[in-house]
Amino acid sequence: MPDNLPHTSGAVSDLEKNRALLDWLRWQAGQTEPHVRELGIQQAQEQARCERARAEMAWKIQPQRSSSTALLHRVGCATYPDQVGLIFREDALVALAEPDIEPCEVCRPQTGLLS
């Protein structure tokens, strides 16, 4: 075979192979990216659910004022929005047993606490 003719054997060149591979990888990425996004959304939603569930298991005490008694609230109670000094079930039970701490009549923190 003369040296001046182009190489026309039936073999696929490395360049063509790598271009095909790159096209396939781009297709794979296009198929995978939406799934990764959906998994990220699901993970964020699950984390938010866990945080809400944990928050529902917390209480807070509104300090006694001169003319009122101290009140025990659920953490999400809007009548006392302060989020400082959250307490958990055991401490909420102790607080509820104290004579100078009453349960909030709006959020009813004793519901589920005493059962």
PDB file of N, CA and C in Angstrom:
ATOM      1  N   MET A   1       0.854  -1.173   0.000  1.00  0.00           N
ATOM      2  CA  MET A   1       0.000   0.000   0.000  1.00  0.00           C
ATOM      3  C   MET A   1       0.895   1.229   0.000  1.00  0.00           C
ATOM      4  N   PRO A   2       0.618   2.160  -0.931  1.00  0.00           N
ATOM      5  CA  PRO A   2       1.453   3.367  -1.001  1.00  0.00           C
ATOM      6  C   PRO A   2       1.306   4.221   0.253  1.00  0.00           C
ATOM      7  N   ASP A   3       2.347   4.930   0.602  1.00  0.00           N
ATOM      8  CA  ASP A   3       2.372   5.754   1.812  1.00  0.00           C
ATOM      9  C   ASP A   3       1.524   7.011   1.692  1.00  0.00           C
ATOM     10  N   ASN A   4       1.168   7.457   0.523  1.00  0.00           N
ATOM     11  CA  ASN A   4       0.441   8.716   0.382  1.00  0.00           C
ATOM     12  C   ASN A   4      -1.078   8.544   0.469  1.00  0.00           C
ATOM     13  N   LEU A   5      -1.594   7.345   0.604  1.00  0.00           N
ATOM     14  CA  LEU A   5      -3.038   7.137   0.741  1.00  0.00           C
ATOM     15  C   LEU A   5      -3.446   7.225   2.218  1.00  0.00           C
ATOM     16  N   PRO A   6      -4.642   7.768   2.480  1.00  0.00           N
ATOM     17  CA  PRO A   6      -5.070   7.831   3.886  1.00  0.00           C
ATOM     18  C   PRO A   6      -5.322   6.444   4.438  1.00  0.00           C
ATOM     19  N   HIS A   7      -5.200   6.349   5.724  1.00  0.00           N
ATOM     20  CA  HIS A   7      -5.418   5.079   6.420  1.00  0.00           C
ATOM     21  C   HIS A   7      -6.919   4.839   6.476  1.00  0.00           C
ATOM     22  N   THR A   8      -7.402   3.821   5.798  1.00  0.00           N
ATOM     23  CA  THR A   8      -8.839   3.597   5.706  1.00  0.00           C
ATOM     24  C   THR A   8      -9.233   2.202   6.164  1.00  0.00           C
ATOM     25  N   SER A   9      -8.515   1.681   7.077  1.00  0.00           N
ATOM     26  CA  SER A   9      -8.910   0.360   7.578  1.00  0.00           C
ATOM     27  C   SER A   9     -10.212   0.487   8.335  1.00  0.00           C
ATOM     28  N   GLY A  10     -10.851  -0.597   8.618  1.00  0.00           N
ATOM     29  CA  GLY A  10     -12.140  -0.578   9.287  1.00  0.00           C
ATOM     30  C   GLY A  10     -12.048  -0.274  10.770  1.00  0.00           C
ATOM     31  N   ALA A  11     -10.880  -0.063  11.317  1.00  0.00           N
ATOM     32  CA  ALA A  11     -10.703   0.181  12.747  1.00  0.00           C
ATOM     33  C   ALA A  11     -11.165   1.593  13.123  1.00  0.00           C
ATOM     34  N   VAL A  12     -11.784   1.715  14.307  1.00  0.00           N
ATOM     35  CA  VAL A  12     -12.233   3.003  14.830  1.00  0.00           C
ATOM     36  C   VAL A  12     -11.060   3.643  15.563  1.00  0.00           C
ATOM     37  N   SER A  13     -10.824   4.898  15.314  1.00  0.00           N
ATOM     38  CA  SER A  13      -9.686   5.570  15.939  1.00  0.00           C
ATOM     39  C   SER A  13      -9.962   5.838  17.419  1.00  0.00           C
ATOM     40  N   ASP A  14      -8.881   6.061  18.145  1.00  0.00           N
ATOM     41  CA  ASP A  14      -9.002   6.394  19.567  1.00  0.00           C
ATOM     42  C   ASP A  14      -9.822   7.668  19.755  1.00  0.00           C
ATOM     43  N   LEU A  15      -9.654   8.628  18.874  1.00  0.00           N
ATOM     44  CA  LEU A  15     -10.411   9.869  18.948  1.00  0.00           C
ATOM     45  C   LEU A  15     -11.906   9.594  18.811  1.00  0.00           C
ATOM     46  N   GLU A  16     -12.282   8.798  17.841  1.00  0.00           N
ATOM     47  CA  GLU A  16     -13.698   8.472  17.648  1.00  0.00           C
ATOM     48  C   GLU A  16     -14.260   7.710  18.845  1.00  0.00           C
ATOM     49  N   LYS A  17     -13.473   6.779  19.380  1.00  0.00           N
ATOM     50  CA  LYS A  17     -13.906   6.017  20.556  1.00  0.00           C
ATOM     51  C   LYS A  17     -14.149   6.956  21.738  1.00  0.00           C
ATOM     52  N   ASN A  18     -13.227   7.872  21.950  1.00  0.00           N
ATOM     53  CA  ASN A  18     -13.359   8.780  23.091  1.00  0.00           C
ATOM     54  C   ASN A  18     -14.489   9.784  22.899  1.00  0.00           C
ATOM     55  N   ARG A  19     -14.723  10.194  21.663  1.00  0.00           N
ATOM     56  CA  ARG A  19     -15.871  11.073  21.408  1.00  0.00           C
ATOM     57  C   ARG A  19     -17.183  10.333  21.696  1.00  0.00           C
ATOM     58  N   ALA A  20     -17.250   9.095  21.278  1.00  0.00           N
ATOM     59  CA  ALA A  20     -18.448   8.289  21.549  1.00  0.00           C
ATOM     60  C   ALA A  20     -18.632   8.098  23.053  1.00  0.00           C
ATOM     61  N   LEU A  21     -17.540   7.820  23.737  1.00  0.00           N
ATOM     62  CA  LEU A  21     -17.605   7.662  25.183  1.00  0.00           C
ATOM     63  C   LEU A  21     -18.070   8.946  25.853  1.00  0.00           C
ATOM     64  N   LEU A  22     -17.529  10.079  25.407  1.00  0.00           N
ATOM     65  CA  LEU A  22     -17.921  11.368  25.965  1.00  0.00           C
ATOM     66  C   LEU A  22     -19.404  11.644  25.729  1.00  0.00           C
ATOM     67  N   ASP A  23     -19.903  11.340  24.542  1.00  0.00           N
ATOM     68  CA  ASP A  23     -21.337  11.500  24.264  1.00  0.00           C
ATOM     69  C   ASP A  23     -22.175  10.635  25.193  1.00  0.00           C
ATOM     70  N   TRP A  24     -21.748   9.409  25.383  1.00  0.00           N
ATOM     71  CA  TRP A  24     -22.484   8.494  26.258  1.00  0.00           C
ATOM     72  C   TRP A  24     -22.455   8.990  27.711  1.00  0.00           C
ATOM     73  N   LEU A  25     -21.308   9.460  28.166  1.00  0.00           N
ATOM     74  CA  LEU A  25     -21.201   9.978  29.536  1.00  0.00           C
ATOM     75  C   LEU A  25     -22.083  11.213  29.723  1.00  0.00           C
ATOM     76  N   ARG A  26     -22.146  12.068  28.726  1.00  0.00           N
ATOM     77  CA  ARG A  26     -23.037  13.235  28.807  1.00  0.00           C
ATOM     78  C   ARG A  26     -24.489  12.782  28.905  1.00  0.00           C
ATOM     79  N   TRP A  27     -24.854  11.779  28.122  1.00  0.00           N
ATOM     80  CA  TRP A  27     -26.218  11.235  28.189  1.00  0.00           C
ATOM     81  C   TRP A  27     -26.487  10.660  29.578  1.00  0.00           C
ATOM     82  N   GLN A  28     -25.529   9.903  30.101  1.00  0.00           N
ATOM     83  CA  GLN A  28     -25.679   9.330  31.441  1.00  0.00           C
ATOM     84  C   GLN A  28     -25.851  10.433  32.493  1.00  0.00           C
ATOM     85  N   ALA A  29     -25.051  11.484  32.406  1.00  0.00           N
ATOM     86  CA  ALA A  29     -25.164  12.599  33.348  1.00  0.00           C
ATOM     87  C   ALA A  29     -26.534  13.242  33.240  1.00  0.00           C
ATOM     88  N   GLY A  30     -27.032  13.398  32.024  1.00  0.00           N
ATOM     89  CA  GLY A  30     -28.361  13.968  31.825  1.00  0.00           C
ATOM     90  C   GLY A  30     -29.457  13.109  32.435  1.00  0.00           C
ATOM     91  N   GLN A  31     -29.250  11.796  32.436  1.00  0.00           N
ATOM     92  CA  GLN A  31     -30.213  10.885  33.042  1.00  0.00           C
ATOM     93  C   GLN A  31     -30.107  10.888  34.566  1.00  0.00           C
ATOM     94  N   THR A  32     -28.912  11.085  35.081  1.00  0.00           N
ATOM     95  CA  THR A  32     -28.652  10.983  36.515  1.00  0.00           C
ATOM     96  C   THR A  32     -28.937  12.279  37.267  1.00  0.00           C
ATOM     97  N   GLU A  33     -28.673  13.430  36.668  1.00  0.00           N
ATOM     98  CA  GLU A  33     -28.831  14.715  37.360  1.00  0.00           C
ATOM     99  C   GLU A  33     -30.237  14.930  37.924  1.00  0.00           C
ATOM    100  N   PRO A  34     -31.312  14.674  37.189  1.00  0.00           N
ATOM    101  CA  PRO A  34     -32.645  14.864  37.781  1.00  0.00           C
ATOM    102  C   PRO A  34     -32.882  13.945  38.990  1.00  0.00           C
ATOM    103  N   HIS A  35     -32.347  12.742  38.912  1.00  0.00           N
ATOM    104  CA  HIS A  35     -32.507  11.802  40.030  1.00  0.00           C
ATOM    105  C   HIS A  35     -31.762  12.300  41.268  1.00  0.00           C
ATOM    106  N   VAL A  36     -30.559  12.822  41.053  1.00  0.00           N
ATOM    107  CA  VAL A  36     -29.777  13.376  42.168  1.00  0.00           C
ATOM    108  C   VAL A  36     -30.509  14.564  42.782  1.00  0.00           C
ATOM    109  N   ARG A  37     -31.079  15.427  41.941  1.00  0.00           N
ATOM    110  CA  ARG A  37     -31.844  16.576  42.455  1.00  0.00           C
ATOM    111  C   ARG A  37     -33.032  16.101  43.293  1.00  0.00           C
ATOM    112  N   GLU A  38     -33.759  15.118  42.790  1.00  0.00           N
ATOM    113  CA  GLU A  38     -34.921  14.590  43.507  1.00  0.00           C
ATOM    114  C   GLU A  38     -34.509  13.975  44.853  1.00  0.00           C
ATOM    115  N   LEU A  39     -33.412  13.236  44.860  1.00  0.00           N
ATOM    116  CA  LEU A  39     -32.924  12.666  46.120  1.00  0.00           C
ATOM    117  C   LEU A  39     -32.532  13.764  47.105  1.00  0.00           C
ATOM    118  N   GLY A  40     -31.937  14.836  46.610  1.00  0.00           N
ATOM    119  CA  GLY A  40     -31.583  15.963  47.478  1.00  0.00           C
ATOM    120  C   GLY A  40     -32.814  16.608  48.086  1.00  0.00           C
ATOM    121  N   ILE A  41     -33.859  16.769  47.288  1.00  0.00           N
ATOM    122  CA  ILE A  41     -35.120  17.331  47.789  1.00  0.00           C
ATOM    123  C   ILE A  41     -35.722  16.410  48.843  1.00  0.00           C
ATOM    124  N   GLN A  42     -35.733  15.115  48.565  1.00  0.00           N
ATOM    125  CA  GLN A  42     -36.279  14.148  49.522  1.00  0.00           C
ATOM    126  C   GLN A  42     -35.501  14.169  50.834  1.00  0.00           C
ATOM    127  N   GLN A  43     -34.182  14.253  50.744  1.00  0.00           N
ATOM    128  CA  GLN A  43     -33.357  14.292  51.942  1.00  0.00           C
ATOM    129  C   GLN A  43     -33.645  15.556  52.761  1.00  0.00           C
ATOM    130  N   ALA A  44     -33.769  16.693  52.098  1.00  0.00           N
ATOM    131  CA  ALA A  44     -34.074  17.946  52.800  1.00  0.00           C
ATOM    132  C   ALA A  44     -35.450  17.873  53.459  1.00  0.00           C
ATOM    133  N   GLN A  45     -36.426  17.270  52.776  1.00  0.00           N
ATOM    134  CA  GLN A  45     -37.764  17.133  53.351  1.00  0.00           C
ATOM    135  C   GLN A  45     -37.740  16.211  54.569  1.00  0.00           C
ATOM    136  N   GLU A  46     -36.998  15.130  54.479  1.00  0.00           N
ATOM    137  CA  GLU A  46     -36.898  14.196  55.610  1.00  0.00           C
ATOM    138  C   GLU A  46     -36.214  14.869  56.800  1.00  0.00           C
ATOM    139  N   GLN A  47     -35.179  15.633  56.528  1.00  0.00           N
ATOM    140  CA  GLN A  47     -34.492  16.350  57.602  1.00  0.00           C
ATOM    141  C   GLN A  47     -35.438  17.355  58.261  1.00  0.00           C
ATOM    142  N   ALA A  48     -36.230  18.056  57.462  1.00  0.00           N
ATOM    143  CA  ALA A  48     -37.199  19.012  58.008  1.00  0.00           C
ATOM    144  C   ALA A  48     -38.246  18.291  58.855  1.00  0.00           C
ATOM    145  N   ARG A  49     -38.706  17.119  58.382  1.00  0.00           N
ATOM    146  CA  ARG A  49     -39.670  16.336  59.179  1.00  0.00           C
ATOM    147  C   ARG A  49     -39.072  15.916  60.513  1.00  0.00           C
ATOM    148  N   CYS A  50     -37.822  15.477  60.489  1.00  0.00           N
ATOM    149  CA  CYS A  50     -37.157  15.062  61.731  1.00  0.00           C
ATOM    150  C   CYS A  50     -37.000  16.243  62.691  1.00  0.00           C
ATOM    151  N   GLU A  51     -36.644  17.400  62.151  1.00  0.00           N
ATOM    152  CA  GLU A  51     -36.491  18.590  62.998  1.00  0.00           C
ATOM    153  C   GLU A  51     -37.832  19.015  63.592  1.00  0.00           C
ATOM    154  N   ARG A  52     -38.915  18.930  62.784  1.00  0.00           N
ATOM    155  CA  ARG A  52     -40.246  19.262  63.307  1.00  0.00           C
ATOM    156  C   ARG A  52     -40.659  18.275  64.394  1.00  0.00           C
ATOM    157  N   ALA A  53     -40.398  16.993  64.165  1.00  0.00           N
ATOM    158  CA  ALA A  53     -40.751  15.976  65.154  1.00  0.00           C
ATOM    159  C   ALA A  53     -39.977  16.206  66.446  1.00  0.00           C
ATOM    160  N   ARG A  54     -38.711  16.536  66.325  1.00  0.00           N
ATOM    161  CA  ARG A  54     -37.898  16.808  67.522  1.00  0.00           C
ATOM    162  C   ARG A  54     -38.416  18.056  68.235  1.00  0.00           C
ATOM    163  N   ALA A  55     -38.783  19.066  67.460  1.00  0.00           N
ATOM    164  CA  ALA A  55     -39.303  20.298  68.054  1.00  0.00           C
ATOM    165  C   ALA A  55     -40.618  20.045  68.776  1.00  0.00           C
ATOM    166  N   GLU A  56     -41.421  19.138  68.261  1.00  0.00           N
ATOM    167  CA  GLU A  56     -42.685  18.827  68.924  1.00  0.00           C
ATOM    168  C   GLU A  56     -42.460  18.130  70.258  1.00  0.00           C
ATOM    169  N   MET A  57     -41.272  17.617  70.456  1.00  0.00           N
ATOM    170  CA  MET A  57     -40.949  16.939  71.708  1.00  0.00           C
ATOM    171  C   MET A  57     -40.199  17.858  72.667  1.00  0.00           C
ATOM    172  N   ALA A  58     -40.320  19.150  72.454  1.00  0.00           N
ATOM    173  CA  ALA A  58     -39.660  20.117  73.327  1.00  0.00           C
ATOM    174  C   ALA A  58     -40.713  21.063  73.905  1.00  0.00           C
ATOM    175  N   TRP A  59     -40.393  21.606  75.060  1.00  0.00           N
ATOM    176  CA  TRP A  59     -41.277  22.537  75.751  1.00  0.00           C
ATOM    177  C   TRP A  59     -40.452  23.734  76.192  1.00  0.00           C
ATOM    178  N   LYS A  60     -41.127  24.743  76.672  1.00  0.00           N
ATOM    179  CA  LYS A  60     -40.442  25.937  77.174  1.00  0.00           C
ATOM    180  C   LYS A  60     -41.268  26.502  78.329  1.00  0.00           C
ATOM    181  N   ILE A  61     -40.596  27.187  79.213  1.00  0.00           N
ATOM    182  CA  ILE A  61     -41.265  27.778  80.373  1.00  0.00           C
ATOM    183  C   ILE A  61     -41.221  29.291  80.251  1.00  0.00           C
ATOM    184  N   GLN A  62     -42.403  29.880  80.316  1.00  0.00           N
ATOM    185  CA  GLN A  62     -42.512  31.336  80.340  1.00  0.00           C
ATOM    186  C   GLN A  62     -42.346  31.755  81.788  1.00  0.00           C
ATOM    187  N   PRO A  63     -41.344  32.566  82.087  1.00  0.00           N
ATOM    188  CA  PRO A  63     -41.094  32.940  83.485  1.00  0.00           C
ATOM    189  C   PRO A  63     -42.286  33.638  84.133  1.00  0.00           C
ATOM    190  N   GLN A  64     -42.338  33.507  85.423  1.00  0.00           N
ATOM    191  CA  GLN A  64     -43.400  34.145  86.213  1.00  0.00           C
ATOM    192  C   GLN A  64     -43.227  35.659  86.173  1.00  0.00           C
ATOM    193  N   ARG A  65     -44.332  36.350  85.981  1.00  0.00           N
ATOM    194  CA  ARG A  65     -44.354  37.814  86.057  1.00  0.00           C
ATOM    195  C   ARG A  65     -44.994  38.183  87.394  1.00  0.00           C
ATOM    196  N   SER A  66     -44.922  39.418  87.767  1.00  0.00           N
ATOM    197  CA  SER A  66     -45.417  39.843  89.076  1.00  0.00           C
ATOM    198  C   SER A  66     -46.879  39.492  89.309  1.00  0.00           C
ATOM    199  N   SER A  67     -47.706  39.563  88.261  1.00  0.00           N
ATOM    200  CA  SER A  67     -49.129  39.320  88.456  1.00  0.00           C
ATOM    201  C   SER A  67     -49.603  37.995  87.866  1.00  0.00           C
ATOM    202  N   SER A  68     -48.681  37.146  87.380  1.00  0.00           N
ATOM    203  CA  SER A  68     -49.096  35.883  86.777  1.00  0.00           C
ATOM    204  C   SER A  68     -48.164  34.760  87.203  1.00  0.00           C
ATOM    205  N   THR A  69     -48.603  33.548  86.954  1.00  0.00           N
ATOM    206  CA  THR A  69     -47.767  32.381  87.264  1.00  0.00           C
ATOM    207  C   THR A  69     -46.914  32.033  86.053  1.00  0.00           C
ATOM    208  N   ALA A  70     -45.909  31.228  86.279  1.00  0.00           N
ATOM    209  CA  ALA A  70     -45.088  30.737  85.175  1.00  0.00           C
ATOM    210  C   ALA A  70     -45.923  29.757  84.361  1.00  0.00           C
ATOM    211  N   LEU A  71     -45.674  29.718  83.060  1.00  0.00           N
ATOM    212  CA  LEU A  71     -46.457  28.842  82.191  1.00  0.00           C
ATOM    213  C   LEU A  71     -45.546  27.888  81.432  1.00  0.00           C
ATOM    214  N   LEU A  72     -46.013  26.653  81.302  1.00  0.00           N
ATOM    215  CA  LEU A  72     -45.336  25.662  80.474  1.00  0.00           C
ATOM    216  C   LEU A  72     -45.998  25.676  79.101  1.00  0.00           C
ATOM    217  N   HIS A  73     -45.195  25.792  78.050  1.00  0.00           N
ATOM    218  CA  HIS A  73     -45.692  25.843  76.669  1.00  0.00           C
ATOM    219  C   HIS A  73     -45.045  24.738  75.849  1.00  0.00           C
ATOM    220  N   ARG A  74     -45.744  24.351  74.774  1.00  0.00           N
ATOM    221  CA  ARG A  74     -45.105  23.542  73.728  1.00  0.00           C
ATOM    222  C   ARG A  74     -44.151  24.483  72.997  1.00  0.00           C
ATOM    223  N   VAL A  75     -43.134  23.938  72.382  1.00  0.00           N
ATOM    224  CA  VAL A  75     -42.121  24.772  71.744  1.00  0.00           C
ATOM    225  C   VAL A  75     -42.710  25.636  70.625  1.00  0.00           C
ATOM    226  N   GLY A  76     -43.753  25.184  69.966  1.00  0.00           N
ATOM    227  CA  GLY A  76     -44.315  25.948  68.865  1.00  0.00           C
ATOM    228  C   GLY A  76     -45.414  26.914  69.253  1.00  0.00           C
ATOM    229  N   CYS A  77     -45.674  27.086  70.532  1.00  0.00           N
ATOM    230  CA  CYS A  77     -46.766  27.946  70.969  1.00  0.00           C
ATOM    231  C   CYS A  77     -46.480  29.409  70.612  1.00  0.00           C
ATOM    232  N   ALA A  78     -47.415  30.008  69.900  1.00  0.00           N
ATOM    233  CA  ALA A  78     -47.240  31.392  69.458  1.00  0.00           C
ATOM    234  C   ALA A  78     -47.497  32.404  70.575  1.00  0.00           C
ATOM    235  N   THR A  79     -48.134  31.981  71.656  1.00  0.00           N
ATOM    236  CA  THR A  79     -48.403  32.941  72.732  1.00  0.00           C
ATOM    237  C   THR A  79     -47.130  33.291  73.496  1.00  0.00           C
ATOM    238  N   TYR A  80     -46.120  32.456  73.385  1.00  0.00           N
ATOM    239  CA  TYR A  80     -44.818  32.753  73.983  1.00  0.00           C
ATOM    240  C   TYR A  80     -43.748  32.292  72.993  1.00  0.00           C
ATOM    241  N   PRO A  81     -43.374  33.159  72.026  1.00  0.00           N
ATOM    242  CA  PRO A  81     -42.494  32.749  70.932  1.00  0.00           C
ATOM    243  C   PRO A  81     -41.013  32.605  71.294  1.00  0.00           C
ATOM    244  N   ASP A  82     -40.610  32.954  72.499  1.00  0.00           N
ATOM    245  CA  ASP A  82     -39.201  32.863  72.881  1.00  0.00           C
ATOM    246  C   ASP A  82     -38.724  31.410  72.761  1.00  0.00           C
ATOM    247  N   GLN A  83     -37.611  31.187  72.100  1.00  0.00           N
ATOM    248  CA  GLN A  83     -37.074  29.842  71.903  1.00  0.00           C
ATOM    249  C   GLN A  83     -35.848  29.567  72.775  1.00  0.00           C
ATOM    250  N   VAL A  84     -35.635  30.377  73.781  1.00  0.00           N
ATOM    251  CA  VAL A  84     -34.487  30.210  74.658  1.00  0.00           C
ATOM    252  C   VAL A  84     -34.848  29.246  75.781  1.00  0.00           C
ATOM    253  N   GLY A  85     -33.933  28.395  76.135  1.00  0.00           N
ATOM    254  CA  GLY A  85     -34.120  27.516  77.279  1.00  0.00           C
ATOM    255  C   GLY A  85     -35.115  26.398  77.051  1.00  0.00           C
ATOM    256  N   LEU A  86     -35.051  25.746  75.915  1.00  0.00           N
ATOM    257  CA  LEU A  86     -35.967  24.644  75.643  1.00  0.00           C
ATOM    258  C   LEU A  86     -35.669  23.482  76.588  1.00  0.00           C
ATOM    259  N   ILE A  87     -36.728  22.805  76.986  1.00  0.00           N
ATOM    260  CA  ILE A  87     -36.584  21.644  77.858  1.00  0.00           C
ATOM    261  C   ILE A  87     -37.243  20.446  77.175  1.00  0.00           C
ATOM    262  N   PHE A  88     -36.882  19.265  77.614  1.00  0.00           N
ATOM    263  CA  PHE A  88     -37.432  18.064  77.013  1.00  0.00           C
ATOM    264  C   PHE A  88     -38.357  17.357  77.989  1.00  0.00           C
ATOM    265  N   ARG A  89     -38.895  16.233  77.589  1.00  0.00           N
ATOM    266  CA  ARG A  89     -40.013  15.572  78.257  1.00  0.00           C
ATOM    267  C   ARG A  89     -39.829  15.429  79.770  1.00  0.00           C
ATOM    268  N   GLU A  90     -38.737  14.898  80.213  1.00  0.00           N
ATOM    269  CA  GLU A  90     -38.540  14.656  81.643  1.00  0.00           C
ATOM    270  C   GLU A  90     -38.631  15.949  82.442  1.00  0.00           C
ATOM    271  N   ASP A  91     -37.970  16.992  81.950  1.00  0.00           N
ATOM    272  CA  ASP A  91     -38.005  18.283  82.648  1.00  0.00           C
ATOM    273  C   ASP A  91     -39.383  18.926  82.555  1.00  0.00           C
ATOM    274  N   ALA A  92     -40.081  18.711  81.456  1.00  0.00           N
ATOM    275  CA  ALA A  92     -41.439  19.248  81.315  1.00  0.00           C
ATOM    276  C   ALA A  92     -42.378  18.577  82.313  1.00  0.00           C
ATOM    277  N   LEU A  93     -42.208  17.284  82.534  1.00  0.00           N
ATOM    278  CA  LEU A  93     -43.014  16.575  83.537  1.00  0.00           C
ATOM    279  C   LEU A  93     -42.762  17.131  84.934  1.00  0.00           C
ATOM    280  N   VAL A  94     -41.511  17.381  85.247  1.00  0.00           N
ATOM    281  CA  VAL A  94     -41.160  17.964  86.548  1.00  0.00           C
ATOM    282  C   VAL A  94     -41.774  19.355  86.670  1.00  0.00           C
ATOM    283  N   ALA A  95     -41.656  20.148  85.624  1.00  0.00           N
ATOM    284  CA  ALA A  95     -42.204  21.514  85.640  1.00  0.00           C
ATOM    285  C   ALA A  95     -43.710  21.497  85.836  1.00  0.00           C
ATOM    286  N   LEU A  96     -44.376  20.577  85.168  1.00  0.00           N
ATOM    287  CA  LEU A  96     -45.831  20.486  85.264  1.00  0.00           C
ATOM    288  C   LEU A  96     -46.280  20.103  86.671  1.00  0.00           C
ATOM    289  N   ALA A  97     -45.426  19.392  87.397  1.00  0.00           N
ATOM    290  CA  ALA A  97     -45.753  18.981  88.765  1.00  0.00           C
ATOM    291  C   ALA A  97     -45.507  20.098  89.784  1.00  0.00           C
ATOM    292  N   GLU A  98     -44.813  21.138  89.387  1.00  0.00           N
ATOM    293  CA  GLU A  98     -44.532  22.259  90.291  1.00  0.00           C
ATOM    294  C   GLU A  98     -45.804  23.075  90.525  1.00  0.00           C
ATOM    295  N   PRO A  99     -46.049  23.493  91.773  1.00  0.00           N
ATOM    296  CA  PRO A  99     -47.271  24.246  92.065  1.00  0.00           C
ATOM    297  C   PRO A  99     -47.293  25.655  91.463  1.00  0.00           C
ATOM    298  N   ASP A 100     -46.133  26.220  91.177  1.00  0.00           N
ATOM    299  CA  ASP A 100     -46.101  27.587  90.662  1.00  0.00           C
ATOM    300  C   ASP A 100     -45.932  27.646  89.135  1.00  0.00           C
ATOM    301  N   ILE A 101     -46.113  26.501  88.451  1.00  0.00           N
ATOM    302  CA  ILE A 101     -46.063  26.463  86.984  1.00  0.00           C
ATOM    303  C   ILE A 101     -47.352  25.825  86.488  1.00  0.00           C
ATOM    304  N   GLU A 102     -48.036  26.533  85.593  1.00  0.00           N
ATOM    305  CA  GLU A 102     -49.294  26.032  85.040  1.00  0.00           C
ATOM    306  C   GLU A 102     -49.133  25.767  83.548  1.00  0.00           C
ATOM    307  N   PRO A 103     -49.920  24.845  83.001  1.00  0.00           N
ATOM    308  CA  PRO A 103     -49.862  24.627  81.551  1.00  0.00           C
ATOM    309  C   PRO A 103     -50.570  25.747  80.799  1.00  0.00           C
ATOM    310  N   CYS A 104     -50.050  26.094  79.657  1.00  0.00           N
ATOM    311  CA  CYS A 104     -50.674  27.089  78.788  1.00  0.00           C
ATOM    312  C   CYS A 104     -52.033  26.552  78.340  1.00  0.00           C
ATOM    313  N   GLU A 105     -53.046  27.411  78.374  1.00  0.00           N
ATOM    314  CA  GLU A 105     -54.381  26.976  77.964  1.00  0.00           C
ATOM    315  C   GLU A 105     -54.542  26.972  76.448  1.00  0.00           C
ATOM    316  N   VAL A 106     -53.613  27.598  75.733  1.00  0.00           N
ATOM    317  CA  VAL A 106     -53.693  27.642  74.274  1.00  0.00           C
ATOM    318  C   VAL A 106     -53.065  26.394  73.652  1.00  0.00           C
ATOM    319  N   CYS A 107     -51.805  26.106  74.004  1.00  0.00           N
ATOM    320  CA  CYS A 107     -51.108  24.984  73.361  1.00  0.00           C
ATOM    321  C   CYS A 107     -51.263  23.665  74.120  1.00  0.00           C
ATOM    322  N   ARG A 108     -51.788  23.718  75.336  1.00  0.00           N
ATOM    323  CA  ARG A 108     -52.034  22.513  76.153  1.00  0.00           C
ATOM    324  C   ARG A 108     -50.827  21.562  76.159  1.00  0.00           C
ATOM    325  N   PRO A 109     -49.727  21.949  76.766  1.00  0.00           N
ATOM    326  CA  PRO A 109     -48.503  21.151  76.719  1.00  0.00           C
ATOM    327  C   PRO A 109     -48.622  19.803  77.426  1.00  0.00           C
ATOM    328  N   GLN A 110     -49.616  19.658  78.284  1.00  0.00           N
ATOM    329  CA  GLN A 110     -49.765  18.396  79.001  1.00  0.00           C
ATOM    330  C   GLN A 110     -50.323  17.291  78.092  1.00  0.00           C
ATOM    331  N   THR A 111     -50.953  17.677  76.976  1.00  0.00           N
ATOM    332  CA  THR A 111     -51.491  16.689  76.055  1.00  0.00           C
ATOM    333  C   THR A 111     -50.353  15.878  75.470  1.00  0.00           C
ATOM    334  N   GLY A 112     -50.404  14.592  75.648  1.00  0.00           N
ATOM    335  CA  GLY A 112     -49.337  13.716  75.171  1.00  0.00           C
ATOM    336  C   GLY A 112     -48.189  13.596  76.131  1.00  0.00           C
ATOM    337  N   LEU A 113     -48.050  14.560  77.016  1.00  0.00           N
ATOM    338  CA  LEU A 113     -46.968  14.524  77.997  1.00  0.00           C
ATOM    339  C   LEU A 113     -47.288  13.574  79.133  1.00  0.00           C
ATOM    340  N   LEU A 114     -48.550  13.555  79.541  1.00  0.00           N
ATOM    341  CA  LEU A 114     -48.958  12.739  80.677  1.00  0.00           C
ATOM    342  C   LEU A 114     -49.445  11.348  80.271  1.00  0.00           C
ATOM    343  N   SER A 115     -49.533  11.087  78.973  1.00  0.00           N
ATOM    344  CA  SER A 115     -50.031   9.771  78.560  1.00  0.00           C
ATOM    345  C   SER A 115     -48.930   8.768  78.409  1.00  0.00           C
TER     346      SER A 115
END
